[in-house]
Structure formats: structure tokens, C-alpha cells
Amino acid sequence: MSKNAVEHVLKFYRRFHSSRYVGDRFVMRLNERLNEDHVHQLEQEFGDLIAKGGMEQSGPLKSEQTHLELPRLHFHFVRRSFARLRMMIDRLNEMPLEKDS
């Protein structure tokens, strides 16, 4: 694998871990919790991805059974605009980690 490919993968998983649907919510598992200002920034910048309500950060949702130690960011996703969703993942990965502060 090329150096650029490795860097791309490492950047993609810097804070983002994985995603899934739980009921009617799109759930992103994170390697590290966001601060509330960052959640608000994402909600403002990517509000077009939210079908109703807002973005919430929490622990695992009731029916989840894996990666229970990871924080979650979840919302009612419009289920379209997947390129914008990828942009949002890139944006949250760009936000400073607590250990970087």
C-alpha cells in the first residue's frame, strides 16, 4: 500500500470509527467524544443531512451490542446526500482531539 493510501485511511479513522442505523437514527461511533461546540458546529454546517431534530452525542443506544465503550453521534439522517455525509466525516476528523490540546 502506498504512503498516501495509508495516510488517507489513518485520517479517515482519526476520530470516526464506524456507523450504522439503530432504529430510525444514523449512529456514528467515534474513537473520541466531541466537545459540545464541535457538535453544534457540525449541526450548523451539515444541517441539510438532518431529517428532524438535531445531532446528539451519547453512549450506546439501547439495542447496540458492540463497541459499547465508544461515544456516539447520532441523528435522523435524510438517507440521501452520501457525499455530504462523507464531507461531514472528514470535517469531524479534522476537529482537534483532546490529546492534541
PDB file of N, CA and C in Angstrom:
ATOM      1  N   MET A   1       0.853  -1.168   0.000  1.00  0.00           N
ATOM      2  CA  MET A   1       0.000   0.000   0.000  1.00  0.00           C
ATOM      3  C   MET A   1       0.902   1.234   0.000  1.00  0.00           C
ATOM      4  N   SER A   2       0.523   2.230  -0.777  1.00  0.00           N
ATOM      5  CA  SER A   2       1.341   3.435  -0.872  1.00  0.00           C
ATOM      6  C   SER A   2       1.233   4.275   0.401  1.00  0.00           C
ATOM      7  N   LYS A   3       2.205   5.124   0.592  1.00  0.00           N
ATOM      8  CA  LYS A   3       2.211   6.019   1.750  1.00  0.00           C
ATOM      9  C   LYS A   3       0.964   6.897   1.759  1.00  0.00           C
ATOM     10  N   ASN A   4       0.545   7.407   0.595  1.00  0.00           N
ATOM     11  CA  ASN A   4      -0.650   8.252   0.501  1.00  0.00           C
ATOM     12  C   ASN A   4      -1.906   7.479   0.895  1.00  0.00           C
ATOM     13  N   ALA A   5      -1.982   6.228   0.500  1.00  0.00           N
ATOM     14  CA  ALA A   5      -3.155   5.409   0.848  1.00  0.00           C
ATOM     15  C   ALA A   5      -3.222   5.186   2.358  1.00  0.00           C
ATOM     16  N   VAL A   6      -2.086   4.900   2.960  1.00  0.00           N
ATOM     17  CA  VAL A   6      -2.040   4.699   4.408  1.00  0.00           C
ATOM     18  C   VAL A   6      -2.455   5.979   5.122  1.00  0.00           C
ATOM     19  N   GLU A   7      -1.915   7.107   4.697  1.00  0.00           N
ATOM     20  CA  GLU A   7      -2.276   8.388   5.305  1.00  0.00           C
ATOM     21  C   GLU A   7      -3.776   8.666   5.166  1.00  0.00           C
ATOM     22  N   HIS A   8      -4.345   8.344   4.022  1.00  0.00           N
ATOM     23  CA  HIS A   8      -5.781   8.551   3.790  1.00  0.00           C
ATOM     24  C   HIS A   8      -6.618   7.712   4.762  1.00  0.00           C
ATOM     25  N   VAL A   9      -6.267   6.461   4.912  1.00  0.00           N
ATOM     26  CA  VAL A   9      -7.003   5.567   5.821  1.00  0.00           C
ATOM     27  C   VAL A   9      -6.864   6.045   7.264  1.00  0.00           C
ATOM     28  N   LEU A  10      -5.661   6.391   7.671  1.00  0.00           N
ATOM     29  CA  LEU A  10      -5.443   6.863   9.042  1.00  0.00           C
ATOM     30  C   LEU A  10      -6.233   8.140   9.319  1.00  0.00           C
ATOM     31  N   LYS A  11      -6.270   9.028   8.349  1.00  0.00           N
ATOM     32  CA  LYS A  11      -7.039  10.276   8.511  1.00  0.00           C
ATOM     33  C   LYS A  11      -8.538   9.974   8.607  1.00  0.00           C
ATOM     34  N   PHE A  12      -9.031   9.051   7.787  1.00  0.00           N
ATOM     35  CA  PHE A  12     -10.458   8.716   7.794  1.00  0.00           C
ATOM     36  C   PHE A  12     -10.904   8.160   9.145  1.00  0.00           C
ATOM     37  N   TYR A  13     -10.035   7.393   9.798  1.00  0.00           N
ATOM     38  CA  TYR A  13     -10.387   6.780  11.078  1.00  0.00           C
ATOM     39  C   TYR A  13      -9.774   7.517  12.276  1.00  0.00           C
ATOM     40  N   ARG A  14      -9.394   8.764  12.089  1.00  0.00           N
ATOM     41  CA  ARG A  14      -8.785   9.530  13.180  1.00  0.00           C
ATOM     42  C   ARG A  14      -9.741   9.640  14.363  1.00  0.00           C
ATOM     43  N   ARG A  15     -10.964  10.080  14.120  1.00  0.00           N
ATOM     44  CA  ARG A  15     -11.982  10.136  15.171  1.00  0.00           C
ATOM     45  C   ARG A  15     -13.146   9.201  14.827  1.00  0.00           C
ATOM     46  N   PHE A  16     -13.521   9.131  13.562  1.00  0.00           N
ATOM     47  CA  PHE A  16     -14.604   8.257  13.104  1.00  0.00           C
ATOM     48  C   PHE A  16     -14.188   6.805  13.274  1.00  0.00           C
ATOM     49  N   HIS A  17     -15.085   5.991  13.808  1.00  0.00           N
ATOM     50  CA  HIS A  17     -14.804   4.564  13.969  1.00  0.00           C
ATOM     51  C   HIS A  17     -15.644   3.739  13.009  1.00  0.00           C
ATOM     52  N   SER A  18     -16.966   3.947  13.026  1.00  0.00           N
ATOM     53  CA  SER A  18     -17.874   3.167  12.186  1.00  0.00           C
ATOM     54  C   SER A  18     -19.258   3.785  12.279  1.00  0.00           C
ATOM     55  N   SER A  19     -20.178   3.278  11.474  1.00  0.00           N
ATOM     56  CA  SER A  19     -21.550   3.801  11.513  1.00  0.00           C
ATOM     57  C   SER A  19     -22.540   2.680  11.266  1.00  0.00           C
ATOM     58  N   ARG A  20     -23.764   2.962  11.650  1.00  0.00           N
ATOM     59  CA  ARG A  20     -24.858   2.014  11.437  1.00  0.00           C
ATOM     60  C   ARG A  20     -26.159   2.740  11.694  1.00  0.00           C
ATOM     61  N   TYR A  21     -27.243   2.108  11.312  1.00  0.00           N
ATOM     62  CA  TYR A  21     -28.572   2.601  11.669  1.00  0.00           C
ATOM     63  C   TYR A  21     -29.049   1.834  12.891  1.00  0.00           C
ATOM     64  N   VAL A  22     -29.597   2.550  13.837  1.00  0.00           N
ATOM     65  CA  VAL A  22     -30.242   1.962  15.003  1.00  0.00           C
ATOM     66  C   VAL A  22     -31.643   2.547  15.024  1.00  0.00           C
ATOM     67  N   GLY A  23     -32.629   1.713  14.680  1.00  0.00           N
ATOM     68  CA  GLY A  23     -33.986   2.227  14.520  1.00  0.00           C
ATOM     69  C   GLY A  23     -33.991   3.248  13.403  1.00  0.00           C
ATOM     70  N   ASP A  24     -34.500   4.431  13.689  1.00  0.00           N
ATOM     71  CA  ASP A  24     -34.561   5.472  12.661  1.00  0.00           C
ATOM     72  C   ASP A  24     -33.426   6.489  12.793  1.00  0.00           C
ATOM     73  N   ARG A  25     -32.391   6.142  13.527  1.00  0.00           N
ATOM     74  CA  ARG A  25     -31.272   7.064  13.736  1.00  0.00           C
ATOM     75  C   ARG A  25     -30.009   6.531  13.053  1.00  0.00           C
ATOM     76  N   PHE A  26     -29.259   7.458  12.473  1.00  0.00           N
ATOM     77  CA  PHE A  26     -27.947   7.146  11.925  1.00  0.00           C
ATOM     78  C   PHE A  26     -26.950   7.383  13.051  1.00  0.00           C
ATOM     79  N   VAL A  27     -26.171   6.370  13.363  1.00  0.00           N
ATOM     80  CA  VAL A  27     -25.263   6.420  14.507  1.00  0.00           C
ATOM     81  C   VAL A  27     -23.826   6.301  14.019  1.00  0.00           C
ATOM     82  N   MET A  28     -23.025   7.268  14.414  1.00  0.00           N
ATOM     83  CA  MET A  28     -21.592   7.209  14.143  1.00  0.00           C
ATOM     84  C   MET A  28     -20.883   6.920  15.453  1.00  0.00           C
ATOM     85  N   ARG A  29     -20.117   5.855  15.469  1.00  0.00           N
ATOM     86  CA  ARG A  29     -19.278   5.559  16.622  1.00  0.00           C
ATOM     87  C   ARG A  29     -17.984   6.345  16.451  1.00  0.00           C
ATOM     88  N   LEU A  30     -17.531   6.921  17.538  1.00  0.00           N
ATOM     89  CA  LEU A  30     -16.348   7.774  17.497  1.00  0.00           C
ATOM     90  C   LEU A  30     -15.257   7.204  18.387  1.00  0.00           C
ATOM     91  N   ASN A  31     -14.024   7.399  17.981  1.00  0.00           N
ATOM     92  CA  ASN A  31     -12.898   6.986  18.810  1.00  0.00           C
ATOM     93  C   ASN A  31     -12.699   7.908  20.000  1.00  0.00           C
ATOM     94  N   GLU A  32     -13.187   9.128  19.884  1.00  0.00           N
ATOM     95  CA  GLU A  32     -13.115  10.092  20.971  1.00  0.00           C
ATOM     96  C   GLU A  32     -14.316  11.014  20.903  1.00  0.00           C
ATOM     97  N   ARG A  33     -14.853  11.334  22.053  1.00  0.00           N
ATOM     98  CA  ARG A  33     -16.006  12.214  22.174  1.00  0.00           C
ATOM     99  C   ARG A  33     -15.690  13.608  21.640  1.00  0.00           C
ATOM    100  N   LEU A  34     -16.687  14.247  21.032  1.00  0.00           N
ATOM    101  CA  LEU A  34     -16.583  15.639  20.590  1.00  0.00           C
ATOM    102  C   LEU A  34     -16.962  16.553  21.746  1.00  0.00           C
ATOM    103  N   ASN A  35     -16.429  17.777  21.759  1.00  0.00           N
ATOM    104  CA  ASN A  35     -16.953  18.721  22.738  1.00  0.00           C
ATOM    105  C   ASN A  35     -18.250  19.304  22.168  1.00  0.00           C
ATOM    106  N   GLU A  36     -19.056  19.887  23.011  1.00  0.00           N
ATOM    107  CA  GLU A  36     -20.383  20.354  22.585  1.00  0.00           C
ATOM    108  C   GLU A  36     -20.315  21.444  21.515  1.00  0.00           C
ATOM    109  N   ASP A  37     -19.268  22.275  21.536  1.00  0.00           N
ATOM    110  CA  ASP A  37     -19.108  23.287  20.486  1.00  0.00           C
ATOM    111  C   ASP A  37     -18.922  22.632  19.123  1.00  0.00           C
ATOM    112  N   HIS A  38     -18.179  21.544  19.084  1.00  0.00           N
ATOM    113  CA  HIS A  38     -17.970  20.835  17.818  1.00  0.00           C
ATOM    114  C   HIS A  38     -19.259  20.183  17.330  1.00  0.00           C
ATOM    115  N   VAL A  39     -20.043  19.629  18.243  1.00  0.00           N
ATOM    116  CA  VAL A  39     -21.339  19.052  17.858  1.00  0.00           C
ATOM    117  C   VAL A  39     -22.211  20.148  17.243  1.00  0.00           C
ATOM    118  N   HIS A  40     -22.237  21.295  17.880  1.00  0.00           N
ATOM    119  CA  HIS A  40     -23.038  22.423  17.376  1.00  0.00           C
ATOM    120  C   HIS A  40     -22.534  22.868  16.000  1.00  0.00           C
ATOM    121  N   GLN A  41     -21.215  22.945  15.828  1.00  0.00           N
ATOM    122  CA  GLN A  41     -20.643  23.318  14.531  1.00  0.00           C
ATOM    123  C   GLN A  41     -21.070  22.339  13.440  1.00  0.00           C
ATOM    124  N   LEU A  42     -20.985  21.050  13.720  1.00  0.00           N
ATOM    125  CA  LEU A  42     -21.390  20.043  12.732  1.00  0.00           C
ATOM    126  C   LEU A  42     -22.871  20.155  12.411  1.00  0.00           C
ATOM    127  N   GLU A  43     -23.672  20.370  13.434  1.00  0.00           N
ATOM    128  CA  GLU A  43     -25.113  20.502  13.241  1.00  0.00           C
ATOM    129  C   GLU A  43     -25.436  21.707  12.355  1.00  0.00           C
ATOM    130  N   GLN A  44     -24.728  22.812  12.551  1.00  0.00           N
ATOM    131  CA  GLN A  44     -24.942  24.000  11.731  1.00  0.00           C
ATOM    132  C   GLN A  44     -24.450  23.797  10.298  1.00  0.00           C
ATOM    133  N   GLU A  45     -23.268  23.252  10.162  1.00  0.00           N
ATOM    134  CA  GLU A  45     -22.655  23.096   8.842  1.00  0.00           C
ATOM    135  C   GLU A  45     -23.336  22.011   8.005  1.00  0.00           C
ATOM    136  N   PHE A  46     -23.850  20.970   8.662  1.00  0.00           N
ATOM    137  CA  PHE A  46     -24.411  19.832   7.942  1.00  0.00           C
ATOM    138  C   PHE A  46     -25.884  19.611   8.290  1.00  0.00           C
ATOM    139  N   GLY A  47     -26.575  20.679   8.619  1.00  0.00           N
ATOM    140  CA  GLY A  47     -27.990  20.599   8.959  1.00  0.00           C
ATOM    141  C   GLY A  47     -28.846  20.026   7.843  1.00  0.00           C
ATOM    142  N   ASP A  48     -28.374  20.132   6.601  1.00  0.00           N
ATOM    143  CA  ASP A  48     -29.128  19.582   5.466  1.00  0.00           C
ATOM    144  C   ASP A  48     -29.191  18.059   5.500  1.00  0.00           C
ATOM    145  N   LEU A  49     -28.364  17.432   6.321  1.00  0.00           N
ATOM    146  CA  LEU A  49     -28.380  15.974   6.445  1.00  0.00           C
ATOM    147  C   LEU A  49     -29.362  15.489   7.512  1.00  0.00           C
ATOM    148  N   ILE A  50     -29.912  16.417   8.283  1.00  0.00           N
ATOM    149  CA  ILE A  50     -30.780  16.069   9.402  1.00  0.00           C
ATOM    150  C   ILE A  50     -32.235  16.158   8.968  1.00  0.00           C
ATOM    151  N   ALA A  51     -32.964  15.037   9.053  1.00  0.00           N
ATOM    152  CA  ALA A  51     -34.371  14.993   8.657  1.00  0.00           C
ATOM    153  C   ALA A  51     -35.258  15.703   9.679  1.00  0.00           C
ATOM    154  N   LYS A  52     -34.950  15.538  10.960  1.00  0.00           N
ATOM    155  CA  LYS A  52     -35.701  16.208  12.030  1.00  0.00           C
ATOM    156  C   LYS A  52     -34.852  16.213  13.286  1.00  0.00           C
ATOM    157  N   GLY A  53     -35.146  17.133  14.180  1.00  0.00           N
ATOM    158  CA  GLY A  53     -34.398  17.222  15.422  1.00  0.00           C
ATOM    159  C   GLY A  53     -33.002  17.745  15.194  1.00  0.00           C
ATOM    160  N   GLY A  54     -32.064  17.248  15.960  1.00  0.00           N
ATOM    161  CA  GLY A  54     -30.684  17.686  15.856  1.00  0.00           C
ATOM    162  C   GLY A  54     -29.741  16.529  16.072  1.00  0.00           C
ATOM    163  N   MET A  55     -28.472  16.854  16.180  1.00  0.00           N
ATOM    164  CA  MET A  55     -27.451  15.845  16.459  1.00  0.00           C
ATOM    165  C   MET A  55     -27.319  15.688  17.966  1.00  0.00           C
ATOM    166  N   GLU A  56     -27.157  14.456  18.389  1.00  0.00           N
ATOM    167  CA  GLU A  56     -26.984  14.162  19.809  1.00  0.00           C
ATOM    168  C   GLU A  56     -25.747  13.303  19.989  1.00  0.00           C
ATOM    169  N   GLN A  57     -25.078  13.530  21.095  1.00  0.00           N
ATOM    170  CA  GLN A  57     -23.933  12.712  21.450  1.00  0.00           C
ATOM    171  C   GLN A  57     -24.301  11.905  22.692  1.00  0.00           C
ATOM    172  N   SER A  58     -23.947  10.643  22.685  1.00  0.00           N
ATOM    173  CA  SER A  58     -24.317   9.780  23.811  1.00  0.00           C
ATOM    174  C   SER A  58     -23.403   8.568  23.845  1.00  0.00           C
ATOM    175  N   GLY A  59     -23.729   7.682  24.745  1.00  0.00           N
ATOM    176  CA  GLY A  59     -23.126   6.355  24.759  1.00  0.00           C
ATOM    177  C   GLY A  59     -23.925   5.483  23.808  1.00  0.00           C
ATOM    178  N   PRO A  60     -23.791   4.168  23.920  1.00  0.00           N
ATOM    179  CA  PRO A  60     -24.503   3.262  23.013  1.00  0.00           C
ATOM    180  C   PRO A  60     -26.016   3.377  23.162  1.00  0.00           C
ATOM    181  N   LEU A  61     -26.728   3.208  22.046  1.00  0.00           N
ATOM    182  CA  LEU A  61     -28.185   3.190  22.080  1.00  0.00           C
ATOM    183  C   LEU A  61     -28.643   1.826  22.571  1.00  0.00           C
ATOM    184  N   LYS A  62     -29.881   1.730  22.999  1.00  0.00           N
ATOM    185  CA  LYS A  62     -30.376   0.535  23.702  1.00  0.00           C
ATOM    186  C   LYS A  62     -30.113  -0.780  22.983  1.00  0.00           C
ATOM    187  N   SER A  63     -30.337  -0.846  21.696  1.00  0.00           N
ATOM    188  CA  SER A  63     -30.219  -2.134  21.009  1.00  0.00           C
ATOM    189  C   SER A  63     -28.795  -2.464  20.556  1.00  0.00           C
ATOM    190  N   GLU A  64     -27.843  -1.562  20.775  1.00  0.00           N
ATOM    191  CA  GLU A  64     -26.468  -1.823  20.347  1.00  0.00           C
ATOM    192  C   GLU A  64     -25.778  -2.815  21.281  1.00  0.00           C
ATOM    193  N   GLN A  65     -24.976  -3.673  20.675  1.00  0.00           N
ATOM    194  CA  GLN A  65     -24.311  -4.708  21.464  1.00  0.00           C
ATOM    195  C   GLN A  65     -22.804  -4.778  21.234  1.00  0.00           C
ATOM    196  N   THR A  66     -22.288  -3.920  20.355  1.00  0.00           N
ATOM    197  CA  THR A  66     -20.847  -3.953  20.088  1.00  0.00           C
ATOM    198  C   THR A  66     -20.237  -2.567  20.276  1.00  0.00           C
ATOM    199  N   HIS A  67     -18.978  -2.555  20.569  1.00  0.00           N
ATOM    200  CA  HIS A  67     -18.225  -1.314  20.767  1.00  0.00           C
ATOM    201  C   HIS A  67     -18.916  -0.396  21.773  1.00  0.00           C
ATOM    202  N   LEU A  68     -19.357  -0.977  22.869  1.00  0.00           N
ATOM    203  CA  LEU A  68     -20.129  -0.236  23.871  1.00  0.00           C
ATOM    204  C   LEU A  68     -19.308   0.855  24.559  1.00  0.00           C
ATOM    205  N   GLU A  69     -18.002   0.764  24.487  1.00  0.00           N
ATOM    206  CA  GLU A  69     -17.143   1.749  25.134  1.00  0.00           C
ATOM    207  C   GLU A  69     -17.011   3.051  24.347  1.00  0.00           C
ATOM    208  N   LEU A  70     -17.440   3.050  23.076  1.00  0.00           N
ATOM    209  CA  LEU A  70     -17.240   4.214  22.210  1.00  0.00           C
ATOM    210  C   LEU A  70     -18.383   5.214  22.319  1.00  0.00           C
ATOM    211  N   PRO A  71     -18.070   6.510  22.294  1.00  0.00           N
ATOM    212  CA  PRO A  71     -19.125   7.522  22.246  1.00  0.00           C
ATOM    213  C   PRO A  71     -19.805   7.508  20.878  1.00  0.00           C
ATOM    214  N   ARG A  72     -21.033   8.001  20.844  1.00  0.00           N
ATOM    215  CA  ARG A  72     -21.809   8.052  19.609  1.00  0.00           C
ATOM    216  C   ARG A  72     -22.235   9.474  19.290  1.00  0.00           C
ATOM    217  N   LEU A  73     -22.344   9.759  17.992  1.00  0.00           N
ATOM    218  CA  LEU A  73     -23.003  10.959  17.479  1.00  0.00           C
ATOM    219  C   LEU A  73     -24.114  10.441  16.595  1.00  0.00           C
ATOM    220  N   HIS A  74     -25.364  10.839  16.887  1.00  0.00           N
ATOM    221  CA  HIS A  74     -26.467  10.271  16.112  1.00  0.00           C
ATOM    222  C   HIS A  74     -27.517  11.324  15.797  1.00  0.00           C
ATOM    223  N   PHE A  75     -28.259  11.038  14.721  1.00  0.00           N
ATOM    224  CA  PHE A  75     -29.287  11.958  14.245  1.00  0.00           C
ATOM    225  C   PHE A  75     -30.189  11.236  13.254  1.00  0.00           C
ATOM    226  N   HIS A  76     -31.307  11.888  12.929  1.00  0.00           N
ATOM    227  CA  HIS A  76     -32.225  11.377  11.908  1.00  0.00           C
ATOM    228  C   HIS A  76     -31.682  11.811  10.550  1.00  0.00           C
ATOM    229  N   PHE A  77     -31.050  10.889   9.854  1.00  0.00           N
ATOM    230  CA  PHE A  77     -30.389  11.162   8.567  1.00  0.00           C
ATOM    231  C   PHE A  77     -31.420  11.166   7.445  1.00  0.00           C
ATOM    232  N   VAL A  78     -31.261  12.090   6.493  1.00  0.00           N
ATOM    233  CA  VAL A  78     -32.178  12.190   5.360  1.00  0.00           C
ATOM    234  C   VAL A  78     -32.063  11.001   4.401  1.00  0.00           C
ATOM    235  N   ARG A  79     -31.054  10.194   4.569  1.00  0.00           N
ATOM    236  CA  ARG A  79     -30.805   8.985   3.755  1.00  0.00           C
ATOM    237  C   ARG A  79     -30.604   9.284   2.268  1.00  0.00           C
ATOM    238  N   ARG A  80     -29.992  10.399   2.035  1.00  0.00           N
ATOM    239  CA  ARG A  80     -29.514  10.768   0.698  1.00  0.00           C
ATOM    240  C   ARG A  80     -28.322  11.687   0.943  1.00  0.00           C
ATOM    241  N   SER A  81     -27.712  12.165  -0.070  1.00  0.00           N
ATOM    242  CA  SER A  81     -26.559  13.062   0.091  1.00  0.00           C
ATOM    243  C   SER A  81     -25.405  12.370   0.816  1.00  0.00           C
ATOM    244  N   PHE A  82     -25.075  11.173   0.354  1.00  0.00           N
ATOM    245  CA  PHE A  82     -23.994  10.428   0.997  1.00  0.00           C
ATOM    246  C   PHE A  82     -22.632  11.094   0.784  1.00  0.00           C
ATOM    247  N   ALA A  83     -22.491  11.874  -0.293  1.00  0.00           N
ATOM    248  CA  ALA A  83     -21.245  12.633  -0.477  1.00  0.00           C
ATOM    249  C   ALA A  83     -21.119  13.685   0.616  1.00  0.00           C
ATOM    250  N   ARG A  84     -22.229  14.323   0.980  1.00  0.00           N
ATOM    251  CA  ARG A  84     -22.214  15.303   2.082  1.00  0.00           C
ATOM    252  C   ARG A  84     -21.915  14.605   3.409  1.00  0.00           C
ATOM    253  N   LEU A  85     -22.427  13.401   3.583  1.00  0.00           N
ATOM    254  CA  LEU A  85     -22.136  12.646   4.799  1.00  0.00           C
ATOM    255  C   LEU A  85     -20.637  12.371   4.892  1.00  0.00           C
ATOM    256  N   ARG A  86     -20.025  12.018   3.781  1.00  0.00           N
ATOM    257  CA  ARG A  86     -18.572  11.804   3.763  1.00  0.00           C
ATOM    258  C   ARG A  86     -17.846  13.102   4.099  1.00  0.00           C
ATOM    259  N   MET A  87     -18.351  14.228   3.609  1.00  0.00           N
ATOM    260  CA  MET A  87     -17.758  15.519   3.950  1.00  0.00           C
ATOM    261  C   MET A  87     -17.857  15.777   5.457  1.00  0.00           C
ATOM    262  N   MET A  88     -18.973  15.385   6.051  1.00  0.00           N
ATOM    263  CA  MET A  88     -19.146  15.563   7.484  1.00  0.00           C
ATOM    264  C   MET A  88     -18.153  14.697   8.264  1.00  0.00           C
ATOM    265  N   ILE A  89     -17.958  13.469   7.818  1.00  0.00           N
ATOM    266  CA  ILE A  89     -16.981  12.590   8.474  1.00  0.00           C
ATOM    267  C   ILE A  89     -15.586  13.204   8.372  1.00  0.00           C
ATOM    268  N   ASP A  90     -15.245  13.719   7.196  1.00  0.00           N
ATOM    269  CA  ASP A  90     -13.938  14.373   7.040  1.00  0.00           C
ATOM    270  C   ASP A  90     -13.832  15.569   7.984  1.00  0.00           C
ATOM    271  N   ARG A  91     -14.897  16.337   8.097  1.00  0.00           N
ATOM    272  CA  ARG A  91     -14.890  17.523   8.964  1.00  0.00           C
ATOM    273  C   ARG A  91     -14.701  17.124  10.434  1.00  0.00           C
ATOM    274  N   LEU A  92     -15.411  16.114  10.909  1.00  0.00           N
ATOM    275  CA  LEU A  92     -15.253  15.732  12.319  1.00  0.00           C
ATOM    276  C   LEU A  92     -13.879  15.156  12.580  1.00  0.00           C
ATOM    277  N   ASN A  93     -13.276  14.529  11.570  1.00  0.00           N
ATOM    278  CA  ASN A  93     -11.911  14.024  11.724  1.00  0.00           C
ATOM    279  C   ASN A  93     -10.878  15.147  11.761  1.00  0.00           C
ATOM    280  N   GLU A  94     -11.205  16.312  11.193  1.00  0.00           N
ATOM    281  CA  GLU A  94     -10.312  17.465  11.213  1.00  0.00           C
ATOM    282  C   GLU A  94     -10.338  18.203  12.546  1.00  0.00           C
ATOM    283  N   MET A  95     -11.402  18.035  13.319  1.00  0.00           N
ATOM    284  CA  MET A  95     -11.532  18.745  14.585  1.00  0.00           C
ATOM    285  C   MET A  95     -10.476  18.246  15.563  1.00  0.00           C
ATOM    286  N   PRO A  96      -9.942  19.148  16.382  1.00  0.00           N
ATOM    287  CA  PRO A  96      -8.873  18.740  17.295  1.00  0.00           C
ATOM    288  C   PRO A  96      -9.325  17.688  18.289  1.00  0.00           C
ATOM    289  N   LEU A  97      -8.456  16.723  18.532  1.00  0.00           N
ATOM    290  CA  LEU A  97      -8.684  15.726  19.562  1.00  0.00           C
ATOM    291  C   LEU A  97      -8.263  16.321  20.902  1.00  0.00           C
ATOM    292  N   GLU A  98      -8.841  15.817  21.975  1.00  0.00           N
ATOM    293  CA  GLU A  98      -8.498  16.313  23.317  1.00  0.00           C
ATOM    294  C   GLU A  98      -7.005  16.176  23.580  1.00  0.00           C
ATOM    295  N   LYS A  99      -6.419  15.067  23.133  1.00  0.00           N
ATOM    296  CA  LYS A  99      -4.984  14.856  23.382  1.00  0.00           C
ATOM    297  C   LYS A  99      -4.110  15.817  22.585  1.00  0.00           C
ATOM    298  N   ASP A 100      -4.694  16.458  21.530  1.00  0.00           N
ATOM    299  CA  ASP A 100      -3.958  17.444  20.727  1.00  0.00           C
ATOM    300  C   ASP A 100      -3.935  18.810  21.411  1.00  0.00           C
ATOM    301  N   SER A 101      -4.850  19.015  22.360  1.00  0.00           N
ATOM    302  CA  SER A 101      -4.991  20.342  23.001  1.00  0.00           C
ATOM    303  C   SER A 101      -3.890  20.601  23.996  1.00  0.00           C
TER     304      SER A 101
END
